[in-house]
Amino acid sequence: TPIKAEITPHNVNDIIPAREFKIEPNTTYVFDLAYYNFEWW
C-alpha cells in the first residue's frame, strides 16, 4: 500500500522529499543509498 508520494523533477535528490515527509514515530524505515543523510537518520 502506498502511504505517501511526491513527483519532482528527475534531478531532485531523493533525500529532499524524504525529509519533507512526516516521520511516524515507532516505525521501521527501509531505504537505499539515495537517502544517505546522517541528519535525517
ModelCIF file with pLDDT and N, C-alpha, C, O atoms, coordinates in Angstrom:
data_MODEL
#
_entry.id   MODEL 
#
_entity.id                         1 
_entity.type                       polymer 
_entity.pdbx_number_of_molecules   1 
#
_entity_poly.entity_id                      1 
_entity_poly.type                           'polypeptide(L)' 
_entity_poly.nstd_linkage                   no 
_entity_poly.nstd_monomer                   no 
_entity_poly.pdbx_seq_one_letter_code       TPIKAEITPHNVNDIIPAREFKIEPNTTYVFDLAYYNFEWW 
_entity_poly.pdbx_seq_one_letter_code_can   TPIKAEITPHNVNDIIPAREFKIEPNTTYVFDLAYYNFEWW 
_entity_poly.pdbx_strand_id                 A 
#
loop_
_entity_poly_seq.entity_id 
_entity_poly_seq.num 
_entity_poly_seq.mon_id 
_entity_poly_seq.hetero 
1 1  THR n 
1 2  PRO n 
1 3  ILE n 
1 4  LYS n 
1 5  ALA n 
1 6  GLU n 
1 7  ILE n 
1 8  THR n 
1 9  PRO n 
1 10 HIS n 
1 11 ASN n 
1 12 VAL n 
1 13 ASN n 
1 14 ASP n 
1 15 ILE n 
1 16 ILE n 
1 17 PRO n 
1 18 ALA n 
1 19 ARG n 
1 20 GLU n 
1 21 PHE n 
1 22 LYS n 
1 23 ILE n 
1 24 GLU n 
1 25 PRO n 
1 26 ASN n 
1 27 THR n 
1 28 THR n 
1 29 TYR n 
1 30 VAL n 
1 31 PHE n 
1 32 ASP n 
1 33 LEU n 
1 34 ALA n 
1 35 TYR n 
1 36 TYR n 
1 37 ASN n 
1 38 PHE n 
1 39 GLU n 
1 40 TRP n 
1 41 TRP n 
#
_struct_asym.id          A 
_struct_asym.entity_id   1 
#
loop_
_ma_qa_metric.id 
_ma_qa_metric.mode 
_ma_qa_metric.name 
_ma_qa_metric.software_group_id 
_ma_qa_metric.type 
1 global pLDDT . pLDDT 
2 local  pLDDT . pLDDT 
#
_ma_qa_metric_global.metric_id      1 
_ma_qa_metric_global.metric_value   89.02 
_ma_qa_metric_global.model_id       1 
_ma_qa_metric_global.ordinal_id     1 
#
loop_
_ma_qa_metric_local.label_asym_id 
_ma_qa_metric_local.label_comp_id 
_ma_qa_metric_local.label_seq_id 
_ma_qa_metric_local.metric_id 
_ma_qa_metric_local.metric_value 
_ma_qa_metric_local.model_id 
_ma_qa_metric_local.ordinal_id 
A THR 1  2 84.00 1 1  
A PRO 2  2 86.00 1 2  
A ILE 3  2 87.00 1 3  
A LYS 4  2 89.00 1 4  
A ALA 5  2 88.00 1 5  
A GLU 6  2 88.00 1 6  
A ILE 7  2 86.00 1 7  
A THR 8  2 84.00 1 8  
A PRO 9  2 80.00 1 9  
A HIS 10 2 78.00 1 10 
A ASN 11 2 81.00 1 11 
A VAL 12 2 85.00 1 12 
A ASN 13 2 89.00 1 13 
A ASP 14 2 90.00 1 14 
A ILE 15 2 91.00 1 15 
A ILE 16 2 91.00 1 16 
A PRO 17 2 91.00 1 17 
A ALA 18 2 91.00 1 18 
A ARG 19 2 91.00 1 19 
A GLU 20 2 90.00 1 20 
A PHE 21 2 90.00 1 21 
A LYS 22 2 90.00 1 22 
A ILE 23 2 91.00 1 23 
A GLU 24 2 91.00 1 24 
A PRO 25 2 91.00 1 25 
A ASN 26 2 92.00 1 26 
A THR 27 2 91.00 1 27 
A THR 28 2 92.00 1 28 
A TYR 29 2 93.00 1 29 
A VAL 30 2 92.00 1 30 
A PHE 31 2 92.00 1 31 
A ASP 32 2 90.00 1 32 
A LEU 33 2 88.00 1 33 
A ALA 34 2 88.00 1 34 
A TYR 35 2 90.00 1 35 
A TYR 36 2 90.00 1 36 
A ASN 37 2 90.00 1 37 
A PHE 38 2 90.00 1 38 
A GLU 39 2 91.00 1 39 
A TRP 40 2 94.00 1 40 
A TRP 41 2 94.00 1 41 
#
loop_
_atom_site.group_PDB 
_atom_site.id 
_atom_site.type_symbol 
_atom_site.label_atom_id 
_atom_site.label_alt_id 
_atom_site.label_comp_id 
_atom_site.label_asym_id 
_atom_site.label_entity_id 
_atom_site.label_seq_id 
_atom_site.pdbx_PDB_ins_code 
_atom_site.Cartn_x 
_atom_site.Cartn_y 
_atom_site.Cartn_z 
_atom_site.occupancy 
_atom_site.B_iso_or_equiv 
_atom_site.pdbx_formal_charge 
_atom_site.auth_seq_id 
_atom_site.auth_comp_id 
_atom_site.auth_asym_id 
_atom_site.auth_atom_id 
_atom_site.pdbx_PDB_model_num 
ATOM 1   N N  . THR A 1 1  ? 0.821  -1.199 0.000   1.00 84.00 ? 1  THR A N  1 
ATOM 2   C CA . THR A 1 1  ? 0.000  0.000  0.000   1.00 84.00 ? 1  THR A CA 1 
ATOM 3   C C  . THR A 1 1  ? 0.859  1.255  0.000   1.00 84.00 ? 1  THR A C  1 
ATOM 4   O O  . THR A 1 1  ? 1.679  1.439  0.899   1.00 84.00 ? 1  THR A O  1 
ATOM 5   N N  . PRO A 1 2  ? 0.684  2.126  -1.000  1.00 86.00 ? 2  PRO A N  1 
ATOM 6   C CA . PRO A 1 2  ? 1.374  3.411  -0.963  1.00 86.00 ? 2  PRO A CA 1 
ATOM 7   C C  . PRO A 1 2  ? 0.822  4.257  0.185   1.00 86.00 ? 2  PRO A C  1 
ATOM 8   O O  . PRO A 1 2  ? -0.385 4.295  0.423   1.00 86.00 ? 2  PRO A O  1 
ATOM 9   N N  . ILE A 1 3  ? 1.723  4.928  0.883   1.00 87.00 ? 3  ILE A N  1 
ATOM 10  C CA . ILE A 1 3  ? 1.324  5.763  2.010   1.00 87.00 ? 3  ILE A CA 1 
ATOM 11  C C  . ILE A 1 3  ? 1.483  7.239  1.655   1.00 87.00 ? 3  ILE A C  1 
ATOM 12  O O  . ILE A 1 3  ? 0.626  8.063  1.971   1.00 87.00 ? 3  ILE A O  1 
ATOM 13  N N  . LYS A 1 4  ? 2.591  7.555  0.996   1.00 89.00 ? 4  LYS A N  1 
ATOM 14  C CA . LYS A 1 4  ? 2.884  8.932  0.590   1.00 89.00 ? 4  LYS A CA 1 
ATOM 15  C C  . LYS A 1 4  ? 3.556  8.881  -0.769  1.00 89.00 ? 4  LYS A C  1 
ATOM 16  O O  . LYS A 1 4  ? 4.232  7.911  -1.113  1.00 89.00 ? 4  LYS A O  1 
ATOM 17  N N  . ALA A 1 5  ? 3.358  9.944  -1.535  1.00 88.00 ? 5  ALA A N  1 
ATOM 18  C CA . ALA A 1 5  ? 4.034  10.036 -2.830  1.00 88.00 ? 5  ALA A CA 1 
ATOM 19  C C  . ALA A 1 5  ? 4.209  11.494 -3.192  1.00 88.00 ? 5  ALA A C  1 
ATOM 20  O O  . ALA A 1 5  ? 3.417  12.355 -2.812  1.00 88.00 ? 5  ALA A O  1 
ATOM 21  N N  . GLU A 1 6  ? 5.274  11.745 -3.942  1.00 88.00 ? 6  GLU A N  1 
ATOM 22  C CA . GLU A 1 6  ? 5.527  13.087 -4.447  1.00 88.00 ? 6  GLU A CA 1 
ATOM 23  C C  . GLU A 1 6  ? 6.231  12.967 -5.789  1.00 88.00 ? 6  GLU A C  1 
ATOM 24  O O  . GLU A 1 6  ? 7.090  12.106 -5.977  1.00 88.00 ? 6  GLU A O  1 
ATOM 25  N N  . ILE A 1 7  ? 5.864  13.827 -6.708  1.00 86.00 ? 7  ILE A N  1 
ATOM 26  C CA . ILE A 1 7  ? 6.508  13.880 -8.007  1.00 86.00 ? 7  ILE A CA 1 
ATOM 27  C C  . ILE A 1 7  ? 7.374  15.126 -8.046  1.00 86.00 ? 7  ILE A C  1 
ATOM 28  O O  . ILE A 1 7  ? 6.933  16.220 -7.697  1.00 86.00 ? 7  ILE A O  1 
ATOM 29  N N  . THR A 1 8  ? 8.630  14.939 -8.483  1.00 84.00 ? 8  THR A N  1 
ATOM 30  C CA . THR A 1 8  ? 9.569  16.057 -8.571  1.00 84.00 ? 8  THR A CA 1 
ATOM 31  C C  . THR A 1 8  ? 10.249 16.012 -9.933  1.00 84.00 ? 8  THR A C  1 
ATOM 32  O O  . THR A 1 8  ? 10.106 15.034 -10.667 1.00 84.00 ? 8  THR A O  1 
ATOM 33  N N  . PRO A 1 9  ? 10.988 17.063 -10.276 1.00 80.00 ? 9  PRO A N  1 
ATOM 34  C CA . PRO A 1 9  ? 11.848 16.966 -11.454 1.00 80.00 ? 9  PRO A CA 1 
ATOM 35  C C  . PRO A 1 9  ? 12.808 15.782 -11.281 1.00 80.00 ? 9  PRO A C  1 
ATOM 36  O O  . PRO A 1 9  ? 13.135 15.407 -10.155 1.00 80.00 ? 9  PRO A O  1 
ATOM 37  N N  . HIS A 1 10 ? 13.250 15.205 -12.379 1.00 78.00 ? 10 HIS A N  1 
ATOM 38  C CA . HIS A 1 10 ? 14.063 13.985 -12.324 1.00 78.00 ? 10 HIS A CA 1 
ATOM 39  C C  . HIS A 1 10 ? 15.402 14.184 -11.635 1.00 78.00 ? 10 HIS A C  1 
ATOM 40  O O  . HIS A 1 10 ? 16.009 13.207 -11.196 1.00 78.00 ? 10 HIS A O  1 
ATOM 41  N N  . ASN A 1 11 ? 15.879 15.408 -11.526 1.00 81.00 ? 11 ASN A N  1 
ATOM 42  C CA . ASN A 1 11 ? 17.199 15.640 -10.963 1.00 81.00 ? 11 ASN A CA 1 
ATOM 43  C C  . ASN A 1 11 ? 17.183 16.042 -9.486  1.00 81.00 ? 11 ASN A C  1 
ATOM 44  O O  . ASN A 1 11 ? 18.205 16.481 -8.960  1.00 81.00 ? 11 ASN A O  1 
ATOM 45  N N  . VAL A 1 12 ? 16.044 15.898 -8.812  1.00 85.00 ? 12 VAL A N  1 
ATOM 46  C CA . VAL A 1 12 ? 15.954 16.215 -7.388  1.00 85.00 ? 12 VAL A CA 1 
ATOM 47  C C  . VAL A 1 12 ? 16.494 15.033 -6.585  1.00 85.00 ? 12 VAL A C  1 
ATOM 48  O O  . VAL A 1 12 ? 16.096 13.888 -6.797  1.00 85.00 ? 12 VAL A O  1 
ATOM 49  N N  . ASN A 1 13 ? 17.411 15.332 -5.659  1.00 89.00 ? 13 ASN A N  1 
ATOM 50  C CA . ASN A 1 13 ? 17.970 14.299 -4.801  1.00 89.00 ? 13 ASN A CA 1 
ATOM 51  C C  . ASN A 1 13 ? 16.859 13.676 -3.957  1.00 89.00 ? 13 ASN A C  1 
ATOM 52  O O  . ASN A 1 13 ? 16.005 14.388 -3.430  1.00 89.00 ? 13 ASN A O  1 
ATOM 53  N N  . ASP A 1 14 ? 16.869 12.350 -3.829  1.00 90.00 ? 14 ASP A N  1 
ATOM 54  C CA . ASP A 1 14 ? 15.794 11.627 -3.142  1.00 90.00 ? 14 ASP A CA 1 
ATOM 55  C C  . ASP A 1 14 ? 15.614 12.040 -1.685  1.00 90.00 ? 14 ASP A C  1 
ATOM 56  O O  . ASP A 1 14 ? 14.501 11.971 -1.162  1.00 90.00 ? 14 ASP A O  1 
ATOM 57  N N  . ILE A 1 15 ? 16.677 12.464 -1.027  1.00 91.00 ? 15 ILE A N  1 
ATOM 58  C CA . ILE A 1 15 ? 16.566 12.822 0.387   1.00 91.00 ? 15 ILE A CA 1 
ATOM 59  C C  . ILE A 1 15 ? 15.730 14.078 0.586   1.00 91.00 ? 15 ILE A C  1 
ATOM 60  O O  . ILE A 1 15 ? 15.165 14.262 1.663   1.00 91.00 ? 15 ILE A O  1 
ATOM 61  N N  . ILE A 1 16 ? 15.633 14.940 -0.407  1.00 91.00 ? 16 ILE A N  1 
ATOM 62  C CA . ILE A 1 16 ? 14.896 16.202 -0.246  1.00 91.00 ? 16 ILE A CA 1 
ATOM 63  C C  . ILE A 1 16 ? 13.413 15.951 0.036   1.00 91.00 ? 16 ILE A C  1 
ATOM 64  O O  . ILE A 1 16 ? 12.915 16.449 1.045   1.00 91.00 ? 16 ILE A O  1 
ATOM 65  N N  . PRO A 1 17 ? 12.677 15.205 -0.800  1.00 91.00 ? 17 PRO A N  1 
ATOM 66  C CA . PRO A 1 17 ? 11.280 14.947 -0.434  1.00 91.00 ? 17 PRO A CA 1 
ATOM 67  C C  . PRO A 1 17 ? 11.154 14.040 0.793   1.00 91.00 ? 17 PRO A C  1 
ATOM 68  O O  . PRO A 1 17 ? 10.199 14.171 1.558   1.00 91.00 ? 17 PRO A O  1 
ATOM 69  N N  . ALA A 1 18 ? 12.109 13.120 0.990   1.00 91.00 ? 18 ALA A N  1 
ATOM 70  C CA . ALA A 1 18 ? 12.042 12.236 2.161   1.00 91.00 ? 18 ALA A CA 1 
ATOM 71  C C  . ALA A 1 18 ? 12.063 13.057 3.448   1.00 91.00 ? 18 ALA A C  1 
ATOM 72  O O  . ALA A 1 18 ? 11.340 12.750 4.395   1.00 91.00 ? 18 ALA A O  1 
ATOM 73  N N  . ARG A 1 19 ? 12.883 14.086 3.479   1.00 91.00 ? 19 ARG A N  1 
ATOM 74  C CA . ARG A 1 19 ? 12.969 14.923 4.683   1.00 91.00 ? 19 ARG A CA 1 
ATOM 75  C C  . ARG A 1 19 ? 11.703 15.749 4.894   1.00 91.00 ? 19 ARG A C  1 
ATOM 76  O O  . ARG A 1 19 ? 11.442 16.214 6.003   1.00 91.00 ? 19 ARG A O  1 
ATOM 77  N N  . GLU A 1 20 ? 10.919 15.930 3.838   1.00 90.00 ? 20 GLU A N  1 
ATOM 78  C CA . GLU A 1 20 ? 9.669  16.668 3.969   1.00 90.00 ? 20 GLU A CA 1 
ATOM 79  C C  . GLU A 1 20 ? 8.511  15.780 4.409   1.00 90.00 ? 20 GLU A C  1 
ATOM 80  O O  . GLU A 1 20 ? 7.522  16.280 4.944   1.00 90.00 ? 20 GLU A O  1 
ATOM 81  N N  . PHE A 1 21 ? 8.619  14.463 4.190   1.00 90.00 ? 21 PHE A N  1 
ATOM 82  C CA . PHE A 1 21 ? 7.584  13.546 4.657   1.00 90.00 ? 21 PHE A CA 1 
ATOM 83  C C  . PHE A 1 21 ? 7.595  13.534 6.185   1.00 90.00 ? 21 PHE A C  1 
ATOM 84  O O  . PHE A 1 21 ? 8.662  13.548 6.799   1.00 90.00 ? 21 PHE A O  1 
ATOM 85  N N  . LYS A 1 22 ? 6.430  13.509 6.789   1.00 90.00 ? 22 LYS A N  1 
ATOM 86  C CA . LYS A 1 22 ? 6.331  13.467 8.248   1.00 90.00 ? 22 LYS A CA 1 
ATOM 87  C C  . LYS A 1 22 ? 6.833  12.105 8.735   1.00 90.00 ? 22 LYS A C  1 
ATOM 88  O O  . LYS A 1 22 ? 6.416  11.063 8.228   1.00 90.00 ? 22 LYS A O  1 
ATOM 89  N N  . ILE A 1 23 ? 7.720  12.124 9.711   1.00 91.00 ? 23 ILE A N  1 
ATOM 90  C CA . ILE A 1 23 ? 8.225  10.889 10.305  1.00 91.00 ? 23 ILE A CA 1 
ATOM 91  C C  . ILE A 1 23 ? 7.180  10.348 11.267  1.00 91.00 ? 23 ILE A C  1 
ATOM 92  O O  . ILE A 1 23 ? 6.678  11.071 12.127  1.00 91.00 ? 23 ILE A O  1 
ATOM 93  N N  . GLU A 1 24 ? 6.861  9.076  11.115  1.00 91.00 ? 24 GLU A N  1 
ATOM 94  C CA . GLU A 1 24 ? 5.920  8.430  12.018  1.00 91.00 ? 24 GLU A CA 1 
ATOM 95  C C  . GLU A 1 24 ? 6.714  7.736  13.118  1.00 91.00 ? 24 GLU A C  1 
ATOM 96  O O  . GLU A 1 24 ? 7.452  6.790  12.841  1.00 91.00 ? 24 GLU A O  1 
ATOM 97  N N  . PRO A 1 25 ? 6.574  8.191  14.358  1.00 91.00 ? 25 PRO A N  1 
ATOM 98  C CA . PRO A 1 25 ? 7.327  7.573  15.455  1.00 91.00 ? 25 PRO A CA 1 
ATOM 99  C C  . PRO A 1 25 ? 7.078  6.068  15.544  1.00 91.00 ? 25 PRO A C  1 
ATOM 100 O O  . PRO A 1 25 ? 6.013  5.579  15.167  1.00 91.00 ? 25 PRO A O  1 
ATOM 101 N N  . ASN A 1 26 ? 8.069  5.349  16.047  1.00 92.00 ? 26 ASN A N  1 
ATOM 102 C CA . ASN A 1 26 ? 7.982  3.903  16.280  1.00 92.00 ? 26 ASN A CA 1 
ATOM 103 C C  . ASN A 1 26 ? 7.757  3.095  15.010  1.00 92.00 ? 26 ASN A C  1 
ATOM 104 O O  . ASN A 1 26 ? 7.121  2.042  15.047  1.00 92.00 ? 26 ASN A O  1 
ATOM 105 N N  . THR A 1 27 ? 8.271  3.577  13.901  1.00 91.00 ? 27 THR A N  1 
ATOM 106 C CA . THR A 1 27 ? 8.121  2.916  12.608  1.00 91.00 ? 27 THR A CA 1 
ATOM 107 C C  . THR A 1 27 ? 9.492  2.457  12.132  1.00 91.00 ? 27 THR A C  1 
ATOM 108 O O  . THR A 1 27 ? 10.511 3.070  12.451  1.00 91.00 ? 27 THR A O  1 
ATOM 109 N N  . THR A 1 28 ? 9.504  1.373  11.367  1.00 92.00 ? 28 THR A N  1 
ATOM 110 C CA . THR A 1 28 ? 10.730 0.918  10.724  1.00 92.00 ? 28 THR A CA 1 
ATOM 111 C C  . THR A 1 28 ? 10.772 1.505  9.320   1.00 92.00 ? 28 THR A C  1 
ATOM 112 O O  . THR A 1 28 ? 9.817  1.368  8.556   1.00 92.00 ? 28 THR A O  1 
ATOM 113 N N  . TYR A 1 29 ? 11.879 2.157  8.982   1.00 93.00 ? 29 TYR A N  1 
ATOM 114 C CA . TYR A 1 29 ? 12.082 2.718  7.653   1.00 93.00 ? 29 TYR A CA 1 
ATOM 115 C C  . TYR A 1 29 ? 13.206 1.959  6.965   1.00 93.00 ? 29 TYR A C  1 
ATOM 116 O O  . TYR A 1 29 ? 14.280 1.769  7.535   1.00 93.00 ? 29 TYR A O  1 
ATOM 117 N N  . VAL A 1 30 ? 12.949 1.528  5.738   1.00 92.00 ? 30 VAL A N  1 
ATOM 118 C CA . VAL A 1 30 ? 13.936 0.795  4.942   1.00 92.00 ? 30 VAL A CA 1 
ATOM 119 C C  . VAL A 1 30 ? 14.158 1.588  3.662   1.00 92.00 ? 30 VAL A C  1 
ATOM 120 O O  . VAL A 1 30 ? 13.206 1.951  2.971   1.00 92.00 ? 30 VAL A O  1 
ATOM 121 N N  . PHE A 1 31 ? 15.434 1.857  3.351   1.00 92.00 ? 31 PHE A N  1 
ATOM 122 C CA . PHE A 1 31 ? 15.735 2.688  2.189   1.00 92.00 ? 31 PHE A CA 1 
ATOM 123 C C  . PHE A 1 31 ? 17.138 2.389  1.699   1.00 92.00 ? 31 PHE A C  1 
ATOM 124 O O  . PHE A 1 31 ? 17.915 1.715  2.375   1.00 92.00 ? 31 PHE A O  1 
ATOM 125 N N  . ASP A 1 32 ? 17.454 2.898  0.513   1.00 90.00 ? 32 ASP A N  1 
ATOM 126 C CA . ASP A 1 32 ? 18.745 2.615  -0.100  1.00 90.00 ? 32 ASP A CA 1 
ATOM 127 C C  . ASP A 1 32 ? 19.670 3.829  0.003   1.00 90.00 ? 32 ASP A C  1 
ATOM 128 O O  . ASP A 1 32 ? 19.379 4.789  0.717   1.00 90.00 ? 32 ASP A O  1 
ATOM 129 N N  . LEU A 1 33 ? 20.769 3.767  -0.710  1.00 88.00 ? 33 LEU A N  1 
ATOM 130 C CA . LEU A 1 33 ? 21.835 4.770  -0.602  1.00 88.00 ? 33 LEU A CA 1 
ATOM 131 C C  . LEU A 1 33 ? 21.403 6.186  -0.969  1.00 88.00 ? 33 LEU A C  1 
ATOM 132 O O  . LEU A 1 33 ? 22.050 7.145  -0.548  1.00 88.00 ? 33 LEU A O  1 
ATOM 133 N N  . ALA A 1 34 ? 20.349 6.343  -1.725  1.00 88.00 ? 34 ALA A N  1 
ATOM 134 C CA . ALA A 1 34 ? 19.902 7.680  -2.112  1.00 88.00 ? 34 ALA A CA 1 
ATOM 135 C C  . ALA A 1 34 ? 19.441 8.499  -0.908  1.00 88.00 ? 34 ALA A C  1 
ATOM 136 O O  . ALA A 1 34 ? 19.294 9.717  -1.006  1.00 88.00 ? 34 ALA A O  1 
ATOM 137 N N  . TYR A 1 35 ? 19.217 7.846  0.211   1.00 90.00 ? 35 TYR A N  1 
ATOM 138 C CA . TYR A 1 35 ? 18.738 8.511  1.428   1.00 90.00 ? 35 TYR A CA 1 
ATOM 139 C C  . TYR A 1 35 ? 19.841 8.574  2.486   1.00 90.00 ? 35 TYR A C  1 
ATOM 140 O O  . TYR A 1 35 ? 19.565 8.541  3.685   1.00 90.00 ? 35 TYR A O  1 
ATOM 141 N N  . TYR A 1 36 ? 21.071 8.663  2.035   1.00 90.00 ? 36 TYR A N  1 
ATOM 142 C CA . TYR A 1 36 ? 22.240 8.672  2.914   1.00 90.00 ? 36 TYR A CA 1 
ATOM 143 C C  . TYR A 1 36 ? 22.418 10.061 3.502   1.00 90.00 ? 36 TYR A C  1 
ATOM 144 O O  . TYR A 1 36 ? 23.036 10.930 2.889   1.00 90.00 ? 36 TYR A O  1 
ATOM 145 N N  . ASN A 1 37 ? 21.874 10.263 4.688   1.00 90.00 ? 37 ASN A N  1 
ATOM 146 C CA . ASN A 1 37 ? 21.918 11.589 5.303   1.00 90.00 ? 37 ASN A CA 1 
ATOM 147 C C  . ASN A 1 37 ? 21.907 11.422 6.815   1.00 90.00 ? 37 ASN A C  1 
ATOM 148 O O  . ASN A 1 37 ? 20.889 11.044 7.395   1.00 90.00 ? 37 ASN A O  1 
ATOM 149 N N  . PHE A 1 38 ? 23.038 11.703 7.451   1.00 90.00 ? 38 PHE A N  1 
ATOM 150 C CA . PHE A 1 38 ? 23.172 11.480 8.895   1.00 90.00 ? 38 PHE A CA 1 
ATOM 151 C C  . PHE A 1 38 ? 22.204 12.334 9.714   1.00 90.00 ? 38 PHE A C  1 
ATOM 152 O O  . PHE A 1 38 ? 21.734 11.886 10.760  1.00 90.00 ? 38 PHE A O  1 
ATOM 153 N N  . GLU A 1 39 ? 21.899 13.543 9.267   1.00 91.00 ? 39 GLU A N  1 
ATOM 154 C CA . GLU A 1 39 ? 20.941 14.383 9.989   1.00 91.00 ? 39 GLU A CA 1 
ATOM 155 C C  . GLU A 1 39 ? 19.565 13.737 9.989   1.00 91.00 ? 39 GLU A C  1 
ATOM 156 O O  . GLU A 1 39 ? 18.882 13.714 11.013  1.00 91.00 ? 39 GLU A O  1 
ATOM 157 N N  . TRP A 1 40 ? 19.162 13.213 8.841   1.00 94.00 ? 40 TRP A N  1 
ATOM 158 C CA . TRP A 1 40 ? 17.843 12.567 8.740   1.00 94.00 ? 40 TRP A CA 1 
ATOM 159 C C  . TRP A 1 40 ? 17.819 11.302 9.591   1.00 94.00 ? 40 TRP A C  1 
ATOM 160 O O  . TRP A 1 40 ? 16.826 11.024 10.264  1.00 94.00 ? 40 TRP A O  1 
ATOM 161 N N  . TRP A 1 41 ? 18.910 10.535 9.563   1.00 94.00 ? 41 TRP A N  1 
ATOM 162 C CA . TRP A 1 41 ? 18.987 9.332  10.403  1.00 94.00 ? 41 TRP A CA 1 
ATOM 163 C C  . TRP A 1 41 ? 18.869 9.703  11.873  1.00 94.00 ? 41 TRP A C  1 
ATOM 164 O O  . TRP A 1 41 ? 18.912 8.826  12.736  1.00 94.00 ? 41 TRP A O  1 
#
